[in-house]
């Protein structure tokens, strides 16, 4: 089902959304390797979900696994903060606003009841992409089932 949803997303504008992310990553070339997972997520958003890297590392430690440090994870907090600020000031705010507008347009397109199966998932995908568009560093894209396990583990830890 996620394959069908991803194909519909790609055909009905997801290709252009992904190209916008790719354009931003190419212009901010030093950040390109760290933005590649987000670019892939913007092309095919269904079946995956963004989760904070801290939550992923906590989940791995709770299950006895070693957290995998990526290159950007070993960078200092100042570097991550500056990368998020540069992204936010250049492309992040434009992409987040465009996701909100495209999501609202998809919700408006749901008014004729027949378009709800297509427009509603696309609107939810746009709303899911908006926070990631603002601050992509510190977020890991994982399969939805794993994201639910991480959320469950986080809820258990709070008890």
Protein backbone atom coordinates (compact mmCIF):
# COMPACT_ATOMS: atom_id res chain seq x y z
CA UNK A 1 0.00 0.00 0.00
CA UNK A 2 2.86 2.36 0.75
CA UNK A 3 4.27 1.73 -2.71
CA UNK A 4 1.00 2.82 -4.30
CA UNK A 5 0.85 5.89 -2.03
CA UNK A 6 4.45 6.76 -2.90
CA UNK A 7 3.75 6.43 -6.63
CA UNK A 8 0.68 8.67 -6.33
CA UNK A 9 2.72 11.16 -4.28
CA UNK A 10 5.54 11.14 -6.82
CA UNK A 11 3.22 11.67 -9.80
CA UNK A 12 1.09 14.35 -8.14
CA UNK A 13 3.91 16.68 -7.18
CA UNK A 14 6.31 14.72 -4.99
CA UNK A 15 8.86 14.80 -7.78
CA UNK A 16 8.91 18.60 -7.65
CA UNK A 17 9.07 18.62 -3.85
CA UNK A 18 12.09 16.33 -3.97
CA UNK A 19 13.71 18.52 -6.61
CA UNK A 20 13.32 21.57 -4.36
CA UNK A 21 15.10 19.74 -1.54
CA UNK A 22 17.78 18.58 -3.96
CA UNK A 23 18.26 22.13 -5.27
CA UNK A 24 18.70 23.44 -1.73
CA UNK A 25 21.18 20.70 -0.92
CA UNK A 26 23.18 21.36 -4.09
CA UNK A 27 23.36 25.08 -3.40
CA UNK A 28 24.47 24.36 0.17
CA UNK A 29 26.92 21.76 -1.14
CA UNK A 30 28.85 21.06 2.10
CA UNK A 31 25.58 19.92 3.70
CA UNK A 32 24.60 17.66 0.78
CA UNK A 33 25.72 14.31 2.29
CA UNK A 34 23.77 15.00 5.47
CA UNK A 35 20.65 16.05 3.56
CA UNK A 36 20.50 12.97 1.29
CA UNK A 37 18.20 10.95 3.63
CA UNK A 38 15.82 13.90 3.81
CA UNK A 39 15.87 14.27 0.02
CA UNK A 40 14.94 10.60 -0.36
CA UNK A 41 12.22 11.05 2.25
CA UNK A 42 10.76 13.99 0.33
CA UNK A 43 10.59 11.89 -2.85
CA UNK A 44 9.02 8.83 -1.12
CA UNK A 45 7.49 9.84 2.27
CA UNK A 46 5.08 6.97 2.88
CA UNK A 47 6.21 4.01 4.96
CA UNK A 48 8.86 6.06 6.76
CA UNK A 49 8.80 8.62 9.54
CA UNK A 50 11.23 11.15 11.02
CA UNK A 51 12.48 10.42 14.54
CA UNK A 52 15.02 12.38 16.56
CA UNK A 53 18.48 10.84 16.57
CA UNK A 54 18.50 11.01 20.37
CA UNK A 55 15.40 8.79 20.49
CA UNK A 56 16.99 6.31 18.06
CA UNK A 57 20.18 6.15 20.13
CA UNK A 58 18.18 5.71 23.36
CA UNK A 59 16.20 2.90 21.71
CA UNK A 60 19.41 1.17 20.60
CA UNK A 61 20.96 1.46 24.05
CA UNK A 62 17.80 0.09 25.67
CA UNK A 63 17.99 -2.93 23.35
CA UNK A 64 21.69 -3.52 24.01
CA UNK A 65 22.90 -2.22 20.67
CA UNK A 66 25.68 0.26 20.11
CA UNK A 67 24.42 3.61 18.76
CA UNK A 68 25.95 4.30 15.35
CA UNK A 69 27.62 7.68 15.23
CA UNK A 70 27.39 9.34 11.87
CA UNK A 71 29.78 12.04 10.74
CA UNK A 72 27.43 14.84 11.68
CA UNK A 73 26.60 13.26 15.04
CA UNK A 74 30.24 13.51 16.11
CA UNK A 75 30.33 17.18 15.19
CA UNK A 76 29.94 19.67 17.98
CA UNK A 77 26.60 21.10 19.00
CA UNK A 78 27.62 24.48 17.60
CA UNK A 79 28.19 22.99 14.15
CA UNK A 80 24.77 21.31 14.16
CA UNK A 81 23.14 24.50 15.39
CA UNK A 82 24.85 26.55 12.66
CA UNK A 83 23.89 24.03 9.97
CA UNK A 84 20.25 24.17 11.11
CA UNK A 85 20.34 27.98 11.18
CA UNK A 86 21.89 28.20 7.70
CA UNK A 87 19.33 25.74 6.32
CA UNK A 88 16.46 27.50 8.10
CA UNK A 89 17.44 30.96 6.86
CA UNK A 90 18.02 29.87 3.26
CA UNK A 91 15.63 27.07 2.31
CA UNK A 92 13.98 25.70 5.42
CA UNK A 93 11.43 28.43 5.96
CA UNK A 94 10.43 28.47 2.29
CA UNK A 95 10.00 24.70 2.18
CA UNK A 96 8.06 24.61 5.46
CA UNK A 97 5.65 27.33 4.31
CA UNK A 98 5.24 25.64 0.95
CA UNK A 99 4.47 22.32 2.69
CA UNK A 100 1.82 24.01 4.81
CA UNK A 101 0.28 25.68 1.74
CA UNK A 102 0.38 22.49 -0.34
CA UNK A 103 -1.13 20.56 2.57
CA UNK A 104 -3.96 23.09 2.85
CA UNK A 105 -4.52 22.93 -0.91
CA UNK A 106 -4.76 19.14 -0.67
CA UNK A 107 -7.27 19.46 2.16
CA UNK A 108 -9.34 21.87 0.07
CA UNK A 109 -9.17 19.38 -2.79
CA UNK A 110 -10.82 16.86 -0.41
CA UNK A 111 -14.09 18.80 -0.59
CA UNK A 112 -15.37 16.68 -3.48
CA UNK A 113 -15.67 13.45 -1.54
CA UNK A 114 -14.29 11.31 -4.35
CA UNK A 115 -10.79 12.83 -4.04
CA UNK A 116 -10.39 12.09 -0.32
CA UNK A 117 -8.41 8.82 -0.78
CA UNK A 118 -5.79 10.68 -2.82
CA UNK A 119 -5.71 14.16 -1.30
CA UNK A 120 -5.88 13.35 2.41
CA UNK A 121 -2.73 11.16 2.56
CA UNK A 122 -0.85 13.72 0.47
CA UNK A 123 -1.95 16.51 2.81
CA UNK A 124 -0.80 14.51 5.84
CA UNK A 125 2.54 13.84 4.14
CA UNK A 126 3.03 17.56 3.56
CA UNK A 127 2.23 18.31 7.20
CA UNK A 128 4.66 15.54 8.23
CA UNK A 129 7.41 17.07 6.05
CA UNK A 130 6.99 20.66 7.33
CA UNK A 131 8.87 20.28 10.66
CA UNK A 132 11.63 18.28 8.98
CA UNK A 133 11.98 21.06 6.40
CA UNK A 134 12.70 23.58 9.15
CA UNK A 135 15.44 21.73 11.04
CA UNK A 136 16.61 18.58 9.25
CA UNK A 137 19.77 18.00 11.27
CA UNK A 138 19.21 15.84 14.34
CA UNK A 139 16.43 13.85 12.64
CA UNK A 140 16.73 10.30 11.34
CA UNK A 141 14.32 8.83 8.79
CA UNK A 142 13.27 5.30 9.85
CA UNK A 143 10.57 2.84 8.75
CA UNK A 144 7.18 3.50 10.33
CA UNK A 145 7.15 0.22 12.27
CA UNK A 146 10.51 1.03 13.86
CA UNK A 147 9.34 4.57 14.64
CA UNK A 148 6.34 3.12 16.47
CA UNK A 149 8.63 0.79 18.45
CA UNK A 150 10.85 3.75 19.35
CA UNK A 151 7.81 5.74 20.49
CA UNK A 152 6.61 2.77 22.56
CA UNK A 153 10.05 2.35 24.15
CA UNK A 154 10.15 6.08 24.91
CA UNK A 155 6.71 5.89 26.54
CA UNK A 156 7.79 2.87 28.63
CA UNK A 157 10.90 4.74 29.77
CA UNK A 158 8.76 7.63 31.00
CA UNK A 159 6.71 5.29 33.20
